[in-house]
Amino acid sequence: MMELSLASPLFQELGPDARELLGVIAFFPQGVNEENVDWLFPTISDEPNMFDKFCVLSLTYRSNGFITMLAPLRDYLRHKDPMSSLLLSTTKECYFSWLSTYIHPDRPSFEESRWITSEDVNVEHLLDVFTSIDANSKDVWDACAEFMDHLEWHKPRSVMLGPKIEMLPDNHPSKAECLDKLSLLLGAIGNQAERKRILTRTLNLRREQGDDFEVARILCDLSAANRGMGLYKEGIEQAKESLEIFKQFGYTANRALSLISLARALHGAKQLDAAEEAASLAIDILPEKGEKLRVCEGHRTLGEIYGSKGDTEKAIYHLEVALEIALSLNMDNNLFWVYRALAELFSREGRFDDAHAYIERAKSHAIDDAYNLGRAQELQASSWYEQHMFEKARSEASHAADVFENFGAAHDLARCRELLQRIDEGTNNPVVSESDVNGELLEVLSPASINVSF
């Protein structure tokens, strides 16, 4: 049947590019995104007509915006030697060009880089193949680092490329950068143990290269990884070392980065006065323009610290400032963490209606981020538990635990399992009914009363 389709007059009329185009469609697990055909195939002038004819001949079909084909056809039609296909090579370079776009929330290209959320499976397959058959190409490995950068910003998840990166020779020009991006991605899914292991290797490479700036930056990331595992003393020491190195460079924004890392580690260690001092200094030294992301992180950190100190008024003020900046940046990740911080603040004070309202807002910014969604579910479970609504608490905590286990987020998983154990104990030993607890809730500040408009 397939050979008949390929031999048919309708297919032959499409010209010599048709068979080559089928091979490229077959190469990609998702097929080809219909919105990108003009960009991916600049050398083919009649793609829409070709794709329509492919569907008529039952060689391809349309699914969720992609032109794809069944697995048996894909196995038969894909190029046995991807390096021999000029059209696939052109397509690869198009993807690599898109990946090379610098991602920063203050730049217009930030929104454009969200294309990765629909194309990530295709891009990972492309990189997996070409890092195997063209392993000496710096361009391929640079694209690998850029791919993980895109995922970290827009769709945090595990990748299959880690073992290949670690197997690169230490003197490979792209190894340190690839390890660095891999560690950031691991951090974004909560796998702090693996993140720390990869960062330690990266730090050693950067020290050998004599790159003090990168050493200082990686020390900040190591501080965060240790903080994520509850190793606050280590985190404090690394943040302080990072700060001392950045002082030598005189880069204000990077000094602020170290101070925020230090403040968070001190906060975790319950050294609240020192944490407040570090976070306040970070905000003071940052310029008013050009560093919105750092300023947002500084205010959020300070808001969380004041929340722990029981100073609700100051906590809300700084979290409002952080929220206003996050809204202006339109960054899902930052909006998630600010909303979650507000929810945590209200939950701690027994303001559960407001806490749940902000948790729902946090969830709405974790659509493509399963780990953050798990963090929101864990907080919601904790809030339901405090209200003695044990069935609701168990449901949310169980979902969160599944996410953490899937991502290897061991510290989060341990905390979530401890919560599940407390929920089980509460279910077996009820102290007060859910209706009684609801009746005793305090009248509280509602989300609508916060000054920022949503």
Protein backbone atom coordinates (compact mmCIF):
# COMPACT_ATOMS: atom_id res chain seq x y z
CA MET A 1 0.00 0.00 0.00
CA MET A 2 2.80 2.40 0.91
CA GLU A 3 4.74 1.66 -2.26
CA LEU A 4 1.57 2.16 -4.31
CA SER A 5 1.09 5.57 -2.73
CA LEU A 6 4.70 6.55 -3.45
CA ALA A 7 4.39 5.31 -7.03
CA SER A 8 1.05 6.99 -7.70
CA PRO A 9 0.78 9.83 -10.27
CA LEU A 10 -0.51 12.13 -7.51
CA PHE A 11 2.70 11.64 -5.51
CA GLN A 12 4.98 11.80 -8.56
CA GLU A 13 3.48 15.16 -9.54
CA LEU A 14 4.83 16.63 -6.30
CA GLY A 15 8.38 16.47 -7.59
CA PRO A 16 11.71 15.30 -6.16
CA ASP A 17 11.36 17.21 -2.87
CA ALA A 18 8.33 15.18 -1.79
CA ARG A 19 10.20 12.02 -0.77
CA GLU A 20 12.82 14.07 1.02
CA LEU A 21 10.15 16.00 2.90
CA LEU A 22 8.47 12.77 4.01
CA GLY A 23 11.81 11.62 5.41
CA VAL A 24 12.07 14.76 7.54
CA ILE A 25 8.51 14.40 8.83
CA ALA A 26 9.32 10.77 9.68
CA PHE A 27 12.47 11.82 11.56
CA PHE A 28 10.62 13.83 14.20
CA PRO A 29 8.52 12.03 16.84
CA GLN A 30 5.90 14.77 16.77
CA GLY A 31 6.03 15.28 13.03
CA VAL A 32 6.12 18.89 11.81
CA ASN A 33 4.33 21.86 13.34
CA GLU A 34 2.01 23.30 10.68
CA GLU A 35 2.61 26.83 11.94
CA ASN A 36 6.33 26.53 11.28
CA VAL A 37 6.51 24.88 7.85
CA ASP A 38 7.53 28.07 6.02
CA TRP A 39 10.28 28.68 8.54
CA LEU A 40 11.49 25.07 8.73
CA PHE A 41 11.53 24.44 4.97
CA PRO A 42 12.67 27.69 3.31
CA THR A 43 13.91 25.81 0.22
CA ILE A 44 10.52 24.24 -0.57
CA SER A 45 8.02 26.58 -2.18
CA ASP A 46 4.84 24.47 -2.19
CA GLU A 47 4.67 22.90 1.28
CA PRO A 48 0.91 23.39 1.92
CA ASN A 49 -0.01 21.59 -1.29
CA MET A 50 2.45 18.79 -0.55
CA PHE A 51 1.14 18.26 2.97
CA ASP A 52 -2.44 18.17 1.72
CA LYS A 53 -1.53 15.55 -0.88
CA PHE A 54 0.38 13.49 1.71
CA CYS A 55 -2.81 13.34 3.78
CA VAL A 56 -4.92 12.40 0.75
CA LEU A 57 -2.50 9.54 0.08
CA SER A 58 -2.70 8.46 3.77
CA LEU A 59 1.05 8.96 4.17
CA THR A 60 0.51 11.55 6.91
CA TYR A 61 -2.31 12.86 9.09
CA ARG A 62 -2.95 16.01 11.13
CA SER A 63 -2.92 15.83 14.93
CA ASN A 64 -2.97 18.75 17.40
CA GLY A 65 -1.44 21.17 14.94
CA PHE A 66 1.26 18.76 13.74
CA ILE A 67 1.60 16.85 10.47
CA THR A 68 2.72 13.39 11.51
CA MET A 69 2.56 9.74 10.49
CA LEU A 70 2.00 6.32 11.98
CA ALA A 71 5.00 4.50 13.48
CA PRO A 72 5.34 1.83 10.72
CA LEU A 73 5.42 4.54 8.06
CA ARG A 74 7.88 6.56 10.09
CA ASP A 75 10.23 3.59 10.41
CA TYR A 76 10.06 2.98 6.67
CA LEU A 77 10.37 6.58 5.44
CA ARG A 78 12.87 8.19 7.81
CA HIS A 79 16.43 8.75 6.63
CA LYS A 80 18.75 5.94 7.64
CA ASP A 81 21.65 8.39 7.65
CA PRO A 82 20.40 11.78 8.95
CA MET A 83 23.69 13.43 7.98
CA SER A 84 23.00 12.66 4.30
CA SER A 85 19.76 14.65 4.14
CA LEU A 86 20.26 18.23 3.02
CA LEU A 87 16.68 19.12 3.93
CA LEU A 88 17.03 17.67 7.45
CA SER A 89 20.29 19.59 7.81
CA THR A 90 18.48 22.81 6.88
CA THR A 91 15.72 22.01 9.37
CA LYS A 92 18.30 21.31 12.09
CA GLU A 93 19.96 24.68 11.49
CA CYS A 94 16.56 26.40 11.69
CA TYR A 95 15.93 24.84 15.11
CA PHE A 96 19.44 25.71 16.27
CA SER A 97 18.89 29.31 15.16
CA TRP A 98 15.75 29.55 17.27
CA LEU A 99 17.50 27.98 20.24
CA SER A 100 20.33 30.53 20.07
CA THR A 101 17.95 33.38 20.98
CA TYR A 102 19.08 34.95 24.24
CA ILE A 103 16.41 34.45 26.90
CA HIS A 104 15.86 37.24 29.39
CA PRO A 105 12.52 38.41 30.82
CA ASP A 106 13.36 42.06 30.03
CA ARG A 107 13.72 41.29 26.29
CA PRO A 108 10.98 40.88 23.66
CA SER A 109 12.47 37.53 22.65
CA PHE A 110 11.38 36.07 25.99
CA GLU A 111 7.77 35.59 24.87
CA GLU A 112 8.90 34.26 21.49
CA SER A 113 10.99 31.57 23.17
CA ARG A 114 7.82 29.93 24.52
CA TRP A 115 7.69 27.98 21.23
CA ILE A 116 9.71 25.30 23.03
CA THR A 117 6.67 24.19 25.04
CA SER A 118 5.14 22.59 21.93
CA GLU A 119 8.36 21.57 20.14
CA ASP A 120 10.42 20.18 23.04
CA VAL A 121 10.05 16.50 22.10
CA ASN A 122 11.19 17.14 18.52
CA VAL A 123 14.15 19.24 19.63
CA GLU A 124 15.30 16.71 22.22
CA HIS A 125 15.17 13.92 19.63
CA LEU A 126 17.13 16.06 17.17
CA LEU A 127 19.81 16.72 19.78
CA ASP A 128 19.91 13.12 20.95
CA VAL A 129 20.58 11.95 17.39
CA PHE A 130 23.14 14.59 16.43
CA THR A 131 25.08 14.50 19.71
CA SER A 132 25.60 10.80 18.89
CA ILE A 133 26.56 11.06 15.22
CA ASP A 134 28.22 14.50 15.28
CA ALA A 135 29.67 14.47 18.79
CA ASN A 136 32.63 16.71 17.96
CA SER A 137 30.47 19.58 16.76
CA LYS A 138 30.53 22.53 19.15
CA ASP A 139 27.35 23.87 17.53
CA VAL A 140 25.42 20.75 18.51
CA TRP A 141 26.48 20.95 22.15
CA ASP A 142 25.86 24.69 22.29
CA ALA A 143 22.34 23.99 21.02
CA CYS A 144 22.03 21.33 23.74
CA ALA A 145 22.82 23.91 26.44
CA GLU A 146 20.40 26.40 24.88
CA PHE A 147 17.65 23.76 24.74
CA MET A 148 17.94 23.12 28.48
CA ASP A 149 17.91 26.89 29.06
CA HIS A 150 14.61 27.13 27.16
CA LEU A 151 13.14 24.25 29.18
CA GLU A 152 14.25 25.71 32.49
CA TRP A 153 12.44 28.96 31.73
CA HIS A 154 9.31 27.59 30.08
CA LYS A 155 8.80 23.84 30.63
CA PRO A 156 10.96 22.31 33.37
CA ARG A 157 11.26 18.54 33.01
CA SER A 158 13.82 15.72 32.93
CA VAL A 159 15.94 15.22 29.81
CA MET A 160 17.74 12.21 28.34
CA LEU A 161 20.90 14.19 27.47
CA GLY A 162 22.54 14.19 30.92
CA PRO A 163 24.69 11.03 30.59
CA LYS A 164 26.04 12.20 27.21
CA ILE A 165 27.01 15.56 28.67
CA GLU A 166 28.84 13.97 31.59
CA MET A 167 30.75 11.69 29.23
CA LEU A 168 32.24 14.64 27.32
CA PRO A 169 35.99 15.16 27.93
CA ASP A 170 36.63 17.77 30.61
CA ASN A 171 38.49 19.92 28.08
CA HIS A 172 35.52 20.00 25.70
CA PRO A 173 34.66 23.70 25.12
CA SER A 174 30.94 23.16 25.80
CA LYS A 175 31.04 20.76 28.74
CA ALA A 176 30.99 23.28 31.59
CA GLU A 177 28.16 25.26 29.99
CA CYS A 178 26.09 22.12 29.33
CA LEU A 179 26.62 20.90 32.91
CA ASP A 180 25.61 24.32 34.21
CA LYS A 181 22.36 24.37 32.21
CA LEU A 182 21.62 20.78 33.24
CA SER A 183 22.01 21.75 36.90
CA LEU A 184 19.60 24.66 36.49
CA LEU A 185 17.05 22.34 34.93
CA LEU A 186 17.48 19.83 37.77
CA GLY A 187 16.94 22.64 40.25
CA ALA A 188 13.76 23.67 38.45
CA ILE A 189 12.28 20.20 39.04
CA GLY A 190 13.46 19.96 42.64
CA ASN A 191 16.12 17.26 42.19
CA GLN A 192 18.56 19.01 44.50
CA ALA A 193 20.85 16.03 45.13
CA GLU A 194 21.57 15.57 41.41
CA ARG A 195 21.76 19.32 40.99
CA LYS A 196 24.42 19.51 43.70
CA ARG A 197 26.40 16.64 42.17
CA ILE A 198 26.39 18.26 38.72
CA LEU A 199 27.19 21.70 40.14
CA THR A 200 30.15 20.33 42.08
CA ARG A 201 31.60 18.96 38.83
CA THR A 202 30.91 22.25 37.09
CA LEU A 203 32.53 24.23 39.89
CA ASN A 204 35.68 22.14 39.66
CA LEU A 205 35.87 22.73 35.90
CA ARG A 206 35.41 26.47 36.30
CA ARG A 207 38.07 26.62 39.02
CA GLU A 208 40.49 24.75 36.73
CA GLN A 209 39.68 27.23 33.95
CA GLY A 210 40.38 30.13 36.31
CA ASP A 211 36.96 31.65 35.61
CA ASP A 212 36.28 33.40 38.92
CA PHE A 213 33.08 35.05 37.72
CA GLU A 214 31.52 31.68 36.84
CA VAL A 215 32.85 30.21 40.10
CA ALA A 216 30.99 32.88 42.08
CA ARG A 217 27.78 32.36 40.13
CA ILE A 218 27.91 28.57 40.55
CA LEU A 219 28.51 28.99 44.27
CA CYS A 220 25.16 30.84 44.43
CA ASP A 221 23.50 27.89 42.70
CA LEU A 222 25.21 25.45 45.06
CA SER A 223 23.93 27.50 47.98
CA ALA A 224 20.40 27.11 46.61
CA ALA A 225 20.85 23.36 46.11
CA ASN A 226 22.05 22.89 49.69
CA ARG A 227 19.23 25.08 50.97
CA GLY A 228 16.79 22.88 49.06
CA MET A 229 18.11 19.88 50.99
CA GLY A 230 18.04 21.63 54.35
CA LEU A 231 21.84 22.00 54.45
CA TYR A 232 21.71 25.63 55.49
CA LYS A 233 25.20 25.93 56.98
CA GLU A 234 26.79 24.83 53.71
CA GLY A 235 24.48 27.15 51.80
CA ILE A 236 25.47 30.12 53.97
CA GLU A 237 29.18 29.47 53.50
CA GLN A 238 28.86 29.18 49.70
CA ALA A 239 26.77 32.34 49.42
CA LYS A 240 29.34 34.25 51.48
CA GLU A 241 32.21 32.97 49.30
CA SER A 242 30.27 33.99 46.20
CA LEU A 243 29.68 37.46 47.63
CA GLU A 244 33.39 37.98 48.34
CA ILE A 245 34.33 37.03 44.77
CA PHE A 246 31.67 39.28 43.21
CA LYS A 247 32.86 42.20 45.35
CA GLN A 248 36.18 41.97 43.53
CA PHE A 249 34.43 42.39 40.17
CA GLY A 250 32.32 45.29 41.37
CA TYR A 251 29.19 43.99 39.65
CA THR A 252 26.28 45.34 41.68
CA ALA A 253 23.63 43.01 40.25
CA ASN A 254 25.73 39.93 40.97
CA ARG A 255 26.53 41.08 44.49
CA ALA A 256 22.78 41.37 44.97
CA LEU A 257 22.37 37.83 43.64
CA SER A 258 24.80 36.56 46.28
CA LEU A 259 23.07 38.58 49.01
CA ILE A 260 19.68 37.14 48.08
CA SER A 261 21.15 33.62 48.14
CA LEU A 262 22.68 34.38 51.53
CA ALA A 263 19.40 35.81 52.83
CA ARG A 264 17.49 32.69 51.79
CA ALA A 265 20.02 30.36 53.41
CA LEU A 266 19.99 32.42 56.62
CA HIS A 267 16.19 32.40 56.53
CA GLY A 268 16.20 28.61 56.28
CA ALA A 269 18.58 28.46 59.24
CA LYS A 270 16.16 30.73 61.17
CA GLN A 271 18.76 33.48 61.49
CA LEU A 272 16.03 35.97 60.67
CA ASP A 273 17.72 39.27 61.62
CA ALA A 274 20.79 38.44 59.51
CA ALA A 275 18.54 37.28 56.67
CA GLU A 276 16.60 40.55 56.79
CA GLU A 277 19.84 42.55 56.69
CA ALA A 278 21.17 40.66 53.65
CA ALA A 279 17.91 40.91 51.68
CA SER A 280 17.50 44.60 52.51
CA LEU A 281 21.05 45.34 51.35
CA ALA A 282 20.44 43.47 48.09
CA ILE A 283 17.42 45.67 47.35
CA ASP A 284 19.29 48.85 48.33
CA ILE A 285 22.22 48.26 45.98
CA LEU A 286 20.17 47.24 42.94
CA PRO A 287 19.48 49.95 40.34
CA GLU A 288 15.90 51.06 39.80
CA LYS A 289 16.00 50.07 36.12
CA GLY A 290 17.42 47.10 34.23
CA GLU A 291 17.31 44.53 37.05
CA LYS A 292 13.60 43.94 37.55
CA LEU A 293 14.01 40.22 38.05
CA ARG A 294 16.57 40.62 40.84
CA VAL A 295 14.53 43.37 42.50
CA CYS A 296 11.47 41.11 42.38
CA GLU A 297 13.42 38.25 43.97
CA GLY A 298 14.77 40.58 46.65
CA HIS A 299 11.34 41.86 47.67
CA ARG A 300 9.84 38.37 47.64
CA THR A 301 12.66 37.08 49.84
CA LEU A 302 12.28 39.98 52.26
CA GLY A 303 8.51 39.47 52.33
CA GLU A 304 8.99 35.81 53.24
CA ILE A 305 11.46 36.75 55.98
CA TYR A 306 9.06 39.28 57.51
CA GLY A 307 6.34 36.65 57.33
CA SER A 308 8.51 34.31 59.41
CA LYS A 309 9.15 37.15 61.85
CA GLY A 310 5.42 37.68 62.28
CA ASP A 311 5.46 41.19 60.79
CA THR A 312 2.49 40.76 58.47
CA GLU A 313 2.26 44.41 57.41
CA LYS A 314 5.85 44.52 56.14
CA ALA A 315 5.53 41.06 54.62
CA ILE A 316 2.50 42.10 52.57
CA TYR A 317 4.17 45.35 51.49
CA HIS A 318 7.22 43.60 50.06
CA LEU A 319 5.19 40.81 48.49
CA GLU A 320 2.95 43.45 46.85
CA VAL A 321 6.03 45.10 45.35
CA ALA A 322 7.31 41.75 44.13
CA LEU A 323 3.91 40.94 42.63
CA GLU A 324 3.71 44.24 40.77
CA ILE A 325 7.12 43.62 39.21
CA ALA A 326 6.30 39.99 38.38
CA LEU A 327 3.09 41.10 36.67
CA SER A 328 5.02 43.63 34.58
CA LEU A 329 7.48 40.92 33.53
CA ASN A 330 4.65 38.44 32.85
CA MET A 331 6.83 35.56 34.03
CA ASP A 332 4.93 32.46 35.10
CA ASN A 333 7.72 31.24 37.37
CA ASN A 334 8.02 34.48 39.33
CA LEU A 335 4.26 34.98 39.53
CA PHE A 336 3.96 31.44 40.84
CA TRP A 337 6.44 32.00 43.66
CA VAL A 338 4.98 35.37 44.69
CA TYR A 339 1.44 33.99 44.79
CA ARG A 340 2.69 30.98 46.69
CA ALA A 341 4.48 33.24 49.20
CA LEU A 342 1.24 35.17 49.78
CA ALA A 343 -0.65 31.90 50.20
CA GLU A 344 1.92 30.63 52.69
CA LEU A 345 1.73 33.87 54.66
CA PHE A 346 -2.06 33.74 54.97
CA SER A 347 -2.08 30.02 55.71
CA ARG A 348 0.40 30.50 58.53
CA GLU A 349 -1.94 33.07 60.08
CA GLY A 350 -5.01 30.88 59.72
CA ARG A 351 -6.39 32.99 56.88
CA PHE A 352 -7.34 29.94 54.88
CA ASP A 353 -9.85 31.38 52.41
CA ASP A 354 -7.25 33.87 51.22
CA ALA A 355 -4.54 31.22 51.24
CA HIS A 356 -6.57 28.96 48.93
CA ALA A 357 -7.38 31.89 46.62
CA TYR A 358 -3.67 32.59 46.15
CA ILE A 359 -2.83 28.91 45.77
CA GLU A 360 -5.26 28.75 42.86
CA ARG A 361 -3.55 31.75 41.29
CA ALA A 362 -0.20 30.08 41.79
CA LYS A 363 -1.49 26.92 40.11
CA SER A 364 -2.64 28.94 37.09
CA HIS A 365 1.00 29.90 36.50
CA ALA A 366 2.29 26.32 36.75
CA ILE A 367 0.49 24.91 33.70
CA ASP A 368 3.71 23.79 31.99
CA ASP A 369 5.61 23.27 35.25
CA ALA A 370 4.66 20.04 37.02
CA TYR A 371 7.13 20.59 39.88
CA ASN A 372 5.72 24.00 40.80
CA LEU A 373 2.24 22.57 40.57
CA GLY A 374 3.35 19.92 43.07
CA ARG A 375 4.66 22.63 45.39
CA ALA A 376 1.28 24.40 45.21
CA GLN A 377 -0.57 21.16 45.92
CA GLU A 378 1.67 20.47 48.91
CA LEU A 379 0.93 23.90 50.37
CA GLN A 380 -2.78 23.44 49.73
CA ALA A 381 -2.66 20.05 51.45
CA SER A 382 -0.97 21.62 54.45
CA SER A 383 -3.66 24.29 54.59
CA TRP A 384 -6.47 21.71 54.38
CA TYR A 385 -4.72 19.74 57.13
CA GLU A 386 -4.66 22.78 59.42
CA GLN A 387 -8.40 23.07 58.83
CA HIS A 388 -8.82 19.36 59.69
CA MET A 389 -10.16 18.69 56.17
CA PHE A 390 -8.21 15.49 55.95
CA GLU A 391 -9.64 13.94 52.79
CA LYS A 392 -8.95 17.07 50.76
CA ALA A 393 -5.51 17.28 52.33
CA ARG A 394 -4.72 13.66 51.48
CA SER A 395 -5.77 14.09 47.84
CA GLU A 396 -3.55 17.14 47.27
CA ALA A 397 -0.60 15.71 49.21
CA SER A 398 -0.78 12.40 47.33
CA HIS A 399 -0.66 14.18 43.96
CA ALA A 400 2.26 16.29 45.14
CA ALA A 401 4.13 13.22 46.41
CA ASP A 402 3.73 11.52 43.02
CA VAL A 403 5.22 14.57 41.28
CA PHE A 404 8.16 14.77 43.68
CA GLU A 405 8.88 11.06 43.35
CA ASN A 406 8.75 11.26 39.56
CA PHE A 407 11.26 14.13 39.47
CA GLY A 408 13.59 12.76 42.14
CA ALA A 409 12.83 15.71 44.42
CA ALA A 410 13.83 13.73 47.51
CA HIS A 411 13.71 16.53 50.10
CA ASP A 412 10.25 17.64 48.93
CA LEU A 413 9.08 14.02 48.86
CA ALA A 414 10.24 13.37 52.42
CA ARG A 415 8.46 16.48 53.66
CA CYS A 416 5.30 15.54 51.74
CA ARG A 417 5.31 11.98 53.13
CA GLU A 418 5.65 13.40 56.63
CA LEU A 419 2.59 15.54 55.92
CA LEU A 420 0.69 12.48 54.66
CA GLN A 421 1.58 10.67 57.88
CA ARG A 422 0.20 13.56 59.95
CA ILE A 423 -2.94 13.57 57.82
CA ASP A 424 -3.43 9.85 58.49
CA GLU A 425 -2.94 10.41 62.21
CA GLY A 426 -5.45 13.26 62.13
CA THR A 427 -7.97 11.11 60.25
CA ASN A 428 -7.65 8.35 62.84
CA ASN A 429 -7.76 10.74 65.79
CA PRO A 430 -10.15 13.58 64.86
CA VAL A 431 -10.12 16.44 67.33
CA VAL A 432 -12.69 18.74 65.78
CA SER A 433 -15.03 18.60 62.82
CA GLU A 434 -14.45 20.43 59.58
CA SER A 435 -17.58 22.55 60.09
CA ASP A 436 -16.42 23.61 63.55
CA VAL A 437 -13.08 24.70 62.16
CA ASN A 438 -14.72 26.64 59.33
CA GLY A 439 -16.88 28.47 61.88
CA GLU A 440 -13.83 29.57 63.84
CA LEU A 441 -11.88 31.06 60.90
CA LEU A 442 -10.76 34.62 61.48
CA GLU A 443 -12.06 37.50 59.39
CA VAL A 444 -9.09 38.27 57.17
CA LEU A 445 -7.58 40.41 54.49
CA SER A 446 -9.03 39.20 51.18
CA PRO A 447 -7.05 38.98 47.90
CA ALA A 448 -9.15 41.85 46.54
CA SER A 449 -7.86 44.15 49.26
CA ILE A 450 -4.28 43.86 48.08
CA ASN A 451 -3.57 46.99 46.09
CA VAL A 452 -2.24 45.40 42.90
CA SER A 453 -4.93 44.81 40.27
CA PHE A 454 -4.98 41.40 38.62
